[in-house]
Amino acid sequence: MVFSVQQVKYEFLAYIKEFDQSFSSWCVGISDAPKQTLFEQHGVRADADPWLYKQLLTHRAARTVYDYFVGHLKTAGVQPAGDSNDFDCVYLFKMAPHTRQ
């Protein structure tokens, strides 16, 4: 299912509010394979850590969500790779001692 920018912002904010309201405890990124990125690159534990991802219609929409959380709300952010202009998924996870940015 593809979501709008406002839908993703709302869902991410609700998720953050549910688990830890401190924005600095969260990390946001853009990926074309968000589950693989979360579990392999960042070391997120699928069954133990709070994480979420959403697919948007375009890379520009995904970038808008990313910029809102990283630039405005001051979450940690993972810069997308240089060739990421086709990536349209935004992911979120709560940082922990075992996770990597």
PDB file of N, CA and C in Angstrom:
ATOM      1  N   MET A   1       0.838  -1.178   0.000  1.00  0.00           N
ATOM      2  CA  MET A   1       0.000   0.000   0.000  1.00  0.00           C
ATOM      3  C   MET A   1       0.884   1.244   0.000  1.00  0.00           C
ATOM      4  N   VAL A   2       0.526   2.210  -0.780  1.00  0.00           N
ATOM      5  CA  VAL A   2       1.278   3.450  -0.900  1.00  0.00           C
ATOM      6  C   VAL A   2       0.572   4.535  -0.087  1.00  0.00           C
ATOM      7  N   PHE A   3       1.366   5.308   0.649  1.00  0.00           N
ATOM      8  CA  PHE A   3       0.823   6.312   1.559  1.00  0.00           C
ATOM      9  C   PHE A   3       1.203   7.719   1.118  1.00  0.00           C
ATOM     10  N   SER A   4       0.435   8.699   1.594  1.00  0.00           N
ATOM     11  CA  SER A   4       0.751  10.106   1.341  1.00  0.00           C
ATOM     12  C   SER A   4       1.735  10.604   2.399  1.00  0.00           C
ATOM     13  N   VAL A   5       2.338  11.742   2.122  1.00  0.00           N
ATOM     14  CA  VAL A   5       3.266  12.357   3.070  1.00  0.00           C
ATOM     15  C   VAL A   5       2.583  12.570   4.414  1.00  0.00           C
ATOM     16  N   GLN A   6       1.388  13.128   4.419  1.00  0.00           N
ATOM     17  CA  GLN A   6       0.689  13.408   5.673  1.00  0.00           C
ATOM     18  C   GLN A   6       0.346  12.131   6.432  1.00  0.00           C
ATOM     19  N   GLN A   7      -0.038  11.084   5.719  1.00  0.00           N
ATOM     20  CA  GLN A   7      -0.348   9.813   6.383  1.00  0.00           C
ATOM     21  C   GLN A   7       0.886   9.252   7.079  1.00  0.00           C
ATOM     22  N   VAL A   8       2.020   9.297   6.401  1.00  0.00           N
ATOM     23  CA  VAL A   8       3.251   8.754   6.983  1.00  0.00           C
ATOM     24  C   VAL A   8       3.694   9.592   8.174  1.00  0.00           C
ATOM     25  N   LYS A   9       3.637  10.902   8.054  1.00  0.00           N
ATOM     26  CA  LYS A   9       3.990  11.758   9.193  1.00  0.00           C
ATOM     27  C   LYS A   9       3.121  11.414  10.398  1.00  0.00           C
ATOM     28  N   TYR A  10       1.834  11.301  10.185  1.00  0.00           N
ATOM     29  CA  TYR A  10       0.901  10.996  11.272  1.00  0.00           C
ATOM     30  C   TYR A  10       1.218   9.638  11.890  1.00  0.00           C
ATOM     31  N   GLU A  11       1.409   8.620  11.069  1.00  0.00           N
ATOM     32  CA  GLU A  11       1.674   7.279  11.600  1.00  0.00           C
ATOM     33  C   GLU A  11       3.003   7.219  12.336  1.00  0.00           C
ATOM     34  N   PHE A  12       4.037   7.858  11.801  1.00  0.00           N
ATOM     35  CA  PHE A  12       5.327   7.872  12.483  1.00  0.00           C
ATOM     36  C   PHE A  12       5.223   8.617  13.815  1.00  0.00           C
ATOM     37  N   LEU A  13       4.538   9.755  13.829  1.00  0.00           N
ATOM     38  CA  LEU A  13       4.377  10.507  15.078  1.00  0.00           C
ATOM     39  C   LEU A  13       3.599   9.710  16.116  1.00  0.00           C
ATOM     40  N   ALA A  14       2.554   9.021  15.699  1.00  0.00           N
ATOM     41  CA  ALA A  14       1.772   8.191  16.621  1.00  0.00           C
ATOM     42  C   ALA A  14       2.635   7.060  17.174  1.00  0.00           C
ATOM     43  N   TYR A  15       3.473   6.481  16.328  1.00  0.00           N
ATOM     44  CA  TYR A  15       4.346   5.380  16.744  1.00  0.00           C
ATOM     45  C   TYR A  15       5.384   5.874  17.755  1.00  0.00           C
ATOM     46  N   ILE A  16       5.976   7.010  17.470  1.00  0.00           N
ATOM     47  CA  ILE A  16       6.949   7.594  18.391  1.00  0.00           C
ATOM     48  C   ILE A  16       6.286   7.897  19.730  1.00  0.00           C
ATOM     49  N   LYS A  17       5.111   8.463  19.695  1.00  0.00           N
ATOM     50  CA  LYS A  17       4.387   8.796  20.928  1.00  0.00           C
ATOM     51  C   LYS A  17       4.103   7.545  21.754  1.00  0.00           C
ATOM     52  N   GLU A  18       3.841   6.438  21.080  1.00  0.00           N
ATOM     53  CA  GLU A  18       3.513   5.193  21.773  1.00  0.00           C
ATOM     54  C   GLU A  18       4.713   4.593  22.504  1.00  0.00           C
ATOM     55  N   PHE A  19       5.909   4.715  21.931  1.00  0.00           N
ATOM     56  CA  PHE A  19       7.071   4.021  22.489  1.00  0.00           C
ATOM     57  C   PHE A  19       8.048   4.919  23.239  1.00  0.00           C
ATOM     58  N   ASP A  20       8.365   6.087  22.717  1.00  0.00           N
ATOM     59  CA  ASP A  20       9.331   6.989  23.351  1.00  0.00           C
ATOM     60  C   ASP A  20       9.199   8.351  22.677  1.00  0.00           C
ATOM     61  N   GLN A  21       8.734   9.329  23.409  1.00  0.00           N
ATOM     62  CA  GLN A  21       8.425  10.631  22.825  1.00  0.00           C
ATOM     63  C   GLN A  21       9.650  11.503  22.563  1.00  0.00           C
ATOM     64  N   SER A  22      10.822  11.022  22.912  1.00  0.00           N
ATOM     65  CA  SER A  22      12.044  11.779  22.667  1.00  0.00           C
ATOM     66  C   SER A  22      12.505  11.535  21.222  1.00  0.00           C
ATOM     67  N   PHE A  23      12.372  12.546  20.384  1.00  0.00           N
ATOM     68  CA  PHE A  23      12.705  12.382  18.964  1.00  0.00           C
ATOM     69  C   PHE A  23      14.160  11.979  18.753  1.00  0.00           C
ATOM     70  N   SER A  24      15.040  12.404  19.648  1.00  0.00           N
ATOM     71  CA  SER A  24      16.459  12.075  19.491  1.00  0.00           C
ATOM     72  C   SER A  24      16.746  10.588  19.696  1.00  0.00           C
ATOM     73  N   SER A  25      15.773   9.837  20.170  1.00  0.00           N
ATOM     74  CA  SER A  25      15.937   8.388  20.360  1.00  0.00           C
ATOM     75  C   SER A  25      15.622   7.593  19.098  1.00  0.00           C
ATOM     76  N   TRP A  26      15.215   8.286  18.039  1.00  0.00           N
ATOM     77  CA  TRP A  26      14.749   7.623  16.825  1.00  0.00           C
ATOM     78  C   TRP A  26      15.646   7.947  15.642  1.00  0.00           C
ATOM     79  N   CYS A  27      15.655   7.043  14.681  1.00  0.00           N
ATOM     80  CA  CYS A  27      16.425   7.223  13.460  1.00  0.00           C
ATOM     81  C   CYS A  27      15.507   7.000  12.256  1.00  0.00           C
ATOM     82  N   VAL A  28      15.635   7.846  11.261  1.00  0.00           N
ATOM     83  CA  VAL A  28      14.812   7.782  10.051  1.00  0.00           C
ATOM     84  C   VAL A  28      15.728   7.645   8.842  1.00  0.00           C
ATOM     85  N   GLY A  29      15.288   6.866   7.866  1.00  0.00           N
ATOM     86  CA  GLY A  29      16.064   6.708   6.641  1.00  0.00           C
ATOM     87  C   GLY A  29      15.170   6.427   5.449  1.00  0.00           C
ATOM     88  N   ILE A  30      15.778   6.407   4.276  1.00  0.00           N
ATOM     89  CA  ILE A  30      15.084   6.109   3.025  1.00  0.00           C
ATOM     90  C   ILE A  30      15.762   4.904   2.393  1.00  0.00           C
ATOM     91  N   SER A  31      14.968   3.969   1.889  1.00  0.00           N
ATOM     92  CA  SER A  31      15.530   2.749   1.308  1.00  0.00           C
ATOM     93  C   SER A  31      14.594   2.178   0.254  1.00  0.00           C
ATOM     94  N   ASP A  32      15.143   1.346  -0.617  1.00  0.00           N
ATOM     95  CA  ASP A  32      14.299   0.607  -1.555  1.00  0.00           C
ATOM     96  C   ASP A  32      14.008  -0.790  -1.021  1.00  0.00           C
ATOM     97  N   ALA A  33      14.725  -1.180   0.031  1.00  0.00           N
ATOM     98  CA  ALA A  33      14.519  -2.474   0.688  1.00  0.00           C
ATOM     99  C   ALA A  33      14.544  -2.237   2.196  1.00  0.00           C
ATOM    100  N   PRO A  34      13.498  -1.627   2.747  1.00  0.00           N
ATOM    101  CA  PRO A  34      13.551  -1.172   4.142  1.00  0.00           C
ATOM    102  C   PRO A  34      13.752  -2.276   5.172  1.00  0.00           C
ATOM    103  N   LYS A  35      13.120  -3.429   4.997  1.00  0.00           N
ATOM    104  CA  LYS A  35      13.309  -4.496   5.988  1.00  0.00           C
ATOM    105  C   LYS A  35      14.758  -4.967   6.005  1.00  0.00           C
ATOM    106  N   GLN A  36      15.324  -5.168   4.849  1.00  0.00           N
ATOM    107  CA  GLN A  36      16.720  -5.581   4.762  1.00  0.00           C
ATOM    108  C   GLN A  36      17.630  -4.521   5.381  1.00  0.00           C
ATOM    109  N   THR A  37      17.367  -3.270   5.088  1.00  0.00           N
ATOM    110  CA  THR A  37      18.165  -2.177   5.644  1.00  0.00           C
ATOM    111  C   THR A  37      18.047  -2.133   7.166  1.00  0.00           C
ATOM    112  N   LEU A  38      16.835  -2.242   7.669  1.00  0.00           N
ATOM    113  CA  LEU A  38      16.618  -2.204   9.118  1.00  0.00           C
ATOM    114  C   LEU A  38      17.345  -3.335   9.827  1.00  0.00           C
ATOM    115  N   PHE A  39      17.170  -4.551   9.347  1.00  0.00           N
ATOM    116  CA  PHE A  39      17.683  -5.721  10.058  1.00  0.00           C
ATOM    117  C   PHE A  39      19.164  -5.983   9.799  1.00  0.00           C
ATOM    118  N   GLU A  40      19.628  -5.787   8.575  1.00  0.00           N
ATOM    119  CA  GLU A  40      21.020  -6.102   8.249  1.00  0.00           C
ATOM    120  C   GLU A  40      21.959  -4.916   8.456  1.00  0.00           C
ATOM    121  N   GLN A  41      21.587  -3.753   7.978  1.00  0.00           N
ATOM    122  CA  GLN A  41      22.473  -2.590   8.097  1.00  0.00           C
ATOM    123  C   GLN A  41      22.436  -1.982   9.497  1.00  0.00           C
ATOM    124  N   HIS A  42      21.237  -1.865  10.067  1.00  0.00           N
ATOM    125  CA  HIS A  42      21.098  -1.180  11.355  1.00  0.00           C
ATOM    126  C   HIS A  42      21.056  -2.119  12.557  1.00  0.00           C
ATOM    127  N   GLY A  43      20.918  -3.411  12.341  1.00  0.00           N
ATOM    128  CA  GLY A  43      20.908  -4.356  13.455  1.00  0.00           C
ATOM    129  C   GLY A  43      19.640  -4.327  14.287  1.00  0.00           C
ATOM    130  N   VAL A  44      18.551  -3.850  13.710  1.00  0.00           N
ATOM    131  CA  VAL A  44      17.268  -3.818  14.411  1.00  0.00           C
ATOM    132  C   VAL A  44      16.785  -5.250  14.614  1.00  0.00           C
ATOM    133  N   ARG A  45      16.275  -5.536  15.784  1.00  0.00           N
ATOM    134  CA  ARG A  45      15.717  -6.863  16.089  1.00  0.00           C
ATOM    135  C   ARG A  45      14.223  -6.829  15.792  1.00  0.00           C
ATOM    136  N   ALA A  46      13.827  -7.604  14.806  1.00  0.00           N
ATOM    137  CA  ALA A  46      12.452  -7.561  14.283  1.00  0.00           C
ATOM    138  C   ALA A  46      11.395  -7.779  15.351  1.00  0.00           C
ATOM    139  N   ASP A  47      11.667  -8.663  16.289  1.00  0.00           N
ATOM    140  CA  ASP A  47      10.655  -9.015  17.286  1.00  0.00           C
ATOM    141  C   ASP A  47      10.819  -8.284  18.615  1.00  0.00           C
ATOM    142  N   ALA A  48      11.852  -7.455  18.741  1.00  0.00           N
ATOM    143  CA  ALA A  48      12.095  -6.806  20.030  1.00  0.00           C
ATOM    144  C   ALA A  48      12.156  -5.279  19.964  1.00  0.00           C
ATOM    145  N   ASP A  49      12.555  -4.738  18.833  1.00  0.00           N
ATOM    146  CA  ASP A  49      12.731  -3.288  18.715  1.00  0.00           C
ATOM    147  C   ASP A  49      11.540  -2.634  18.017  1.00  0.00           C
ATOM    148  N   PRO A  50      11.197  -1.413  18.407  1.00  0.00           N
ATOM    149  CA  PRO A  50      10.164  -0.667  17.677  1.00  0.00           C
ATOM    150  C   PRO A  50      10.714  -0.197  16.321  1.00  0.00           C
ATOM    151  N   TRP A  51      10.047  -0.559  15.270  1.00  0.00           N
ATOM    152  CA  TRP A  51      10.430  -0.148  13.920  1.00  0.00           C
ATOM    153  C   TRP A  51       9.187  -0.099  13.043  1.00  0.00           C
ATOM    154  N   LEU A  52       9.295   0.659  11.968  1.00  0.00           N
ATOM    155  CA  LEU A  52       8.153   0.847  11.078  1.00  0.00           C
ATOM    156  C   LEU A  52       8.680   1.359   9.746  1.00  0.00           C
ATOM    157  N   TYR A  53       8.018   0.994   8.659  1.00  0.00           N
ATOM    158  CA  TYR A  53       8.341   1.604   7.374  1.00  0.00           C
ATOM    159  C   TYR A  53       7.066   1.780   6.566  1.00  0.00           C
ATOM    160  N   LYS A  54       7.111   2.728   5.656  1.00  0.00           N
ATOM    161  CA  LYS A  54       5.972   3.018   4.785  1.00  0.00           C
ATOM    162  C   LYS A  54       6.490   3.350   3.392  1.00  0.00           C
ATOM    163  N   GLN A  55       5.743   2.922   2.391  1.00  0.00           N
ATOM    164  CA  GLN A  55       6.075   3.254   1.009  1.00  0.00           C
ATOM    165  C   GLN A  55       5.259   4.463   0.572  1.00  0.00           C
ATOM    166  N   LEU A  56       5.927   5.397  -0.069  1.00  0.00           N
ATOM    167  CA  LEU A  56       5.264   6.583  -0.603  1.00  0.00           C
ATOM    168  C   LEU A  56       5.238   6.507  -2.127  1.00  0.00           C
ATOM    169  N   LEU A  57       4.541   7.420  -2.729  1.00  0.00           N
ATOM    170  CA  LEU A  57       4.360   7.392  -4.176  1.00  0.00           C
ATOM    171  C   LEU A  57       5.647   7.704  -4.936  1.00  0.00           C
ATOM    172  N   THR A  58       6.441   8.628  -4.414  1.00  0.00           N
ATOM    173  CA  THR A  58       7.656   9.053  -5.111  1.00  0.00           C
ATOM    174  C   THR A  58       8.821   9.216  -4.137  1.00  0.00           C
ATOM    175  N   HIS A  59      10.012   9.301  -4.708  1.00  0.00           N
ATOM    176  CA  HIS A  59      11.191   9.585  -3.898  1.00  0.00           C
ATOM    177  C   HIS A  59      11.074  10.978  -3.272  1.00  0.00           C
ATOM    178  N   ARG A  60      10.546  11.905  -4.025  1.00  0.00           N
ATOM    179  CA  ARG A  60      10.387  13.267  -3.492  1.00  0.00           C
ATOM    180  C   ARG A  60       9.493  13.269  -2.250  1.00  0.00           C
ATOM    181  N   ALA A  61       8.414  12.496  -2.270  1.00  0.00           N
ATOM    182  CA  ALA A  61       7.531  12.399  -1.103  1.00  0.00           C
ATOM    183  C   ALA A  61       8.271  11.766   0.067  1.00  0.00           C
ATOM    184  N   ALA A  62       9.041  10.713  -0.211  1.00  0.00           N
ATOM    185  CA  ALA A  62       9.824  10.063   0.845  1.00  0.00           C
ATOM    186  C   ALA A  62      10.830  11.046   1.428  1.00  0.00           C
ATOM    187  N   ARG A  63      11.454  11.825   0.575  1.00  0.00           N
ATOM    188  CA  ARG A  63      12.434  12.808   1.033  1.00  0.00           C
ATOM    189  C   ARG A  63      11.775  13.899   1.881  1.00  0.00           C
ATOM    190  N   THR A  64      10.551  14.267   1.549  1.00  0.00           N
ATOM    191  CA  THR A  64       9.818  15.265   2.333  1.00  0.00           C
ATOM    192  C   THR A  64       9.591  14.766   3.756  1.00  0.00           C
ATOM    193  N   VAL A  65       9.196  13.504   3.896  1.00  0.00           N
ATOM    194  CA  VAL A  65       9.001  12.912   5.225  1.00  0.00           C
ATOM    195  C   VAL A  65      10.329  12.870   5.967  1.00  0.00           C
ATOM    196  N   TYR A  66      11.365  12.391   5.304  1.00  0.00           N
ATOM    197  CA  TYR A  66      12.700  12.306   5.901  1.00  0.00           C
ATOM    198  C   TYR A  66      13.152  13.684   6.400  1.00  0.00           C
ATOM    199  N   ASP A  67      13.043  14.680   5.546  1.00  0.00           N
ATOM    200  CA  ASP A  67      13.474  16.033   5.921  1.00  0.00           C
ATOM    201  C   ASP A  67      12.677  16.588   7.097  1.00  0.00           C
ATOM    202  N   TYR A  68      11.402  16.273   7.173  1.00  0.00           N
ATOM    203  CA  TYR A  68      10.568  16.736   8.282  1.00  0.00           C
ATOM    204  C   TYR A  68      11.059  16.158   9.611  1.00  0.00           C
ATOM    205  N   PHE A  69      11.305  14.857   9.633  1.00  0.00           N
ATOM    206  CA  PHE A  69      11.715  14.237  10.891  1.00  0.00           C
ATOM    207  C   PHE A  69      13.147  14.596  11.274  1.00  0.00           C
ATOM    208  N   VAL A  70      14.049  14.595  10.322  1.00  0.00           N
ATOM    209  CA  VAL A  70      15.453  14.876  10.623  1.00  0.00           C
ATOM    210  C   VAL A  70      15.690  16.379  10.802  1.00  0.00           C
ATOM    211  N   GLY A  71      15.160  17.177   9.908  1.00  0.00           N
ATOM    212  CA  GLY A  71      15.417  18.614   9.953  1.00  0.00           C
ATOM    213  C   GLY A  71      14.582  19.373  10.963  1.00  0.00           C
ATOM    214  N   HIS A  72      13.307  19.040  11.052  1.00  0.00           N
ATOM    215  CA  HIS A  72      12.392  19.785  11.921  1.00  0.00           C
ATOM    216  C   HIS A  72      12.293  19.191  13.326  1.00  0.00           C
ATOM    217  N   LEU A  73      12.130  17.868  13.410  1.00  0.00           N
ATOM    218  CA  LEU A  73      11.938  17.230  14.720  1.00  0.00           C
ATOM    219  C   LEU A  73      13.237  16.728  15.339  1.00  0.00           C
ATOM    220  N   LYS A  74      14.317  16.764  14.573  1.00  0.00           N
ATOM    221  CA  LYS A  74      15.665  16.436  15.062  1.00  0.00           C
ATOM    222  C   LYS A  74      15.844  14.970  15.448  1.00  0.00           C
ATOM    223  N   THR A  75      15.226  14.064  14.697  1.00  0.00           N
ATOM    224  CA  THR A  75      15.578  12.655  14.862  1.00  0.00           C
ATOM    225  C   THR A  75      16.946  12.465  14.225  1.00  0.00           C
ATOM    226  N   ALA A  76      17.581  11.345  14.520  1.00  0.00           N
ATOM    227  CA  ALA A  76      18.793  10.991  13.788  1.00  0.00           C
ATOM    228  C   ALA A  76      18.367  10.626  12.371  1.00  0.00           C
ATOM    229  N   GLY A  77      19.271  10.764  11.444  1.00  0.00           N
ATOM    230  CA  GLY A  77      18.940  10.439  10.063  1.00  0.00           C
ATOM    231  C   GLY A  77      20.074   9.720   9.375  1.00  0.00           C
ATOM    232  N   VAL A  78      19.713   8.823   8.486  1.00  0.00           N
ATOM    233  CA  VAL A  78      20.695   8.117   7.677  1.00  0.00           C
ATOM    234  C   VAL A  78      20.593   8.678   6.269  1.00  0.00           C
ATOM    235  N   GLN A  79      21.648   9.321   5.813  1.00  0.00           N
ATOM    236  CA  GLN A  79      21.637   9.896   4.472  1.00  0.00           C
ATOM    237  C   GLN A  79      21.464   8.797   3.432  1.00  0.00           C
ATOM    238  N   PRO A  80      20.525   8.958   2.525  1.00  0.00           N
ATOM    239  CA  PRO A  80      20.366   7.974   1.458  1.00  0.00           C
ATOM    240  C   PRO A  80      21.598   7.956   0.556  1.00  0.00           C
ATOM    241  N   ALA A  81      21.855   6.807  -0.049  1.00  0.00           N
ATOM    242  CA  ALA A  81      22.975   6.677  -0.972  1.00  0.00           C
ATOM    243  C   ALA A  81      22.795   7.650  -2.135  1.00  0.00           C
ATOM    244  N   GLY A  82      23.874   7.996  -2.790  1.00  0.00           N
ATOM    245  CA  GLY A  82      23.825   8.957  -3.880  1.00  0.00           C
ATOM    246  C   GLY A  82      22.922   8.550  -5.027  1.00  0.00           C
ATOM    247  N   ASP A  83      22.764   7.252  -5.252  1.00  0.00           N
ATOM    248  CA  ASP A  83      21.936   6.763  -6.359  1.00  0.00           C
ATOM    249  C   ASP A  83      20.543   6.360  -5.890  1.00  0.00           C
ATOM    250  N   SER A  84      20.043   7.051  -4.887  1.00  0.00           N
ATOM    251  CA  SER A  84      18.789   6.652  -4.241  1.00  0.00           C
ATOM    252  C   SER A  84      17.562   7.382  -4.776  1.00  0.00           C
ATOM    253  N   ASN A  85      17.650   8.025  -5.904  1.00  0.00           N
ATOM    254  CA  ASN A  85      16.527   8.824  -6.393  1.00  0.00           C
ATOM    255  C   ASN A  85      15.288   8.018  -6.723  1.00  0.00           C
ATOM    256  N   ASP A  86      15.415   6.708  -6.805  1.00  0.00           N
ATOM    257  CA  ASP A  86      14.252   5.860  -7.060  1.00  0.00           C
ATOM    258  C   ASP A  86      13.674   5.270  -5.774  1.00  0.00           C
ATOM    259  N   PHE A  87      14.351   5.447  -4.650  1.00  0.00           N
ATOM    260  CA  PHE A  87      13.904   4.863  -3.388  1.00  0.00           C
ATOM    261  C   PHE A  87      12.667   5.599  -2.900  1.00  0.00           C
ATOM    262  N   ASP A  88      11.628   4.860  -2.519  1.00  0.00           N
ATOM    263  CA  ASP A  88      10.375   5.507  -2.119  1.00  0.00           C
ATOM    264  C   ASP A  88       9.833   5.021  -0.779  1.00  0.00           C
ATOM    265  N   CYS A  89      10.657   4.328   0.005  1.00  0.00           N
ATOM    266  CA  CYS A  89      10.229   3.869   1.332  1.00  0.00           C
ATOM    267  C   CYS A  89      10.981   4.643   2.410  1.00  0.00           C
ATOM    268  N   VAL A  90      10.260   5.047   3.427  1.00  0.00           N
ATOM    269  CA  VAL A  90      10.854   5.706   4.587  1.00  0.00           C
ATOM    270  C   VAL A  90      10.716   4.758   5.765  1.00  0.00           C
ATOM    271  N   TYR A  91      11.797   4.604   6.528  1.00  0.00           N
ATOM    272  CA  TYR A  91      11.743   3.727   7.690  1.00  0.00           C
ATOM    273  C   TYR A  91      12.111   4.497   8.951  1.00  0.00           C
ATOM    274  N   LEU A  92      11.720   3.916  10.072  1.00  0.00           N
ATOM    275  CA  LEU A  92      11.909   4.520  11.384  1.00  0.00           C
ATOM    276  C   LEU A  92      12.249   3.410  12.366  1.00  0.00           C
ATOM    277  N   PHE A  93      13.228   3.643  13.223  1.00  0.00           N
ATOM    278  CA  PHE A  93      13.481   2.690  14.307  1.00  0.00           C
ATOM    279  C   PHE A  93      13.981   3.426  15.536  1.00  0.00           C
ATOM    280  N   LYS A  94      13.715   2.814  16.684  1.00  0.00           N
ATOM    281  CA  LYS A  94      14.187   3.369  17.953  1.00  0.00           C
ATOM    282  C   LYS A  94      15.610   2.873  18.174  1.00  0.00           C
ATOM    283  N   MET A  95      16.513   3.797  18.351  1.00  0.00           N
ATOM    284  CA  MET A  95      17.909   3.425  18.538  1.00  0.00           C
ATOM    285  C   MET A  95      18.102   2.745  19.890  1.00  0.00           C
ATOM    286  N   ALA A  96      19.015   1.791  19.906  1.00  0.00           N
ATOM    287  CA  ALA A  96      19.340   1.023  21.105  1.00  0.00           C
ATOM    288  C   ALA A  96      20.842   0.745  21.078  1.00  0.00           C
ATOM    289  N   PRO A  97      21.405   0.275  22.191  1.00  0.00           N
ATOM    290  CA  PRO A  97      22.845   0.003  22.198  1.00  0.00           C
ATOM    291  C   PRO A  97      23.298  -0.976  21.106  1.00  0.00           C
ATOM    292  N   HIS A  98      22.434  -1.884  20.711  1.00  0.00           N
ATOM    293  CA  HIS A  98      22.821  -2.882  19.705  1.00  0.00           C
ATOM    294  C   HIS A  98      22.534  -2.450  18.266  1.00  0.00           C
ATOM    295  N   THR A  99      21.862  -1.315  18.061  1.00  0.00           N
ATOM    296  CA  THR A  99      21.572  -0.872  16.693  1.00  0.00           C
ATOM    297  C   THR A  99      22.696   0.028  16.182  1.00  0.00           C
ATOM    298  N   ARG A 100      22.755   0.143  14.859  1.00  0.00           N
ATOM    299  CA  ARG A 100      23.777   0.968  14.210  1.00  0.00           C
ATOM    300  C   ARG A 100      23.092   2.003  13.329  1.00  0.00           C
ATOM    301  N   GLN A 101      23.689   3.183  13.257  1.00  0.00           N
ATOM    302  CA  GLN A 101      23.135   4.228  12.382  1.00  0.00           C
ATOM    303  C   GLN A 101      23.643   4.070  11.018  1.00  0.00           C
TER     304      GLN A 101
END
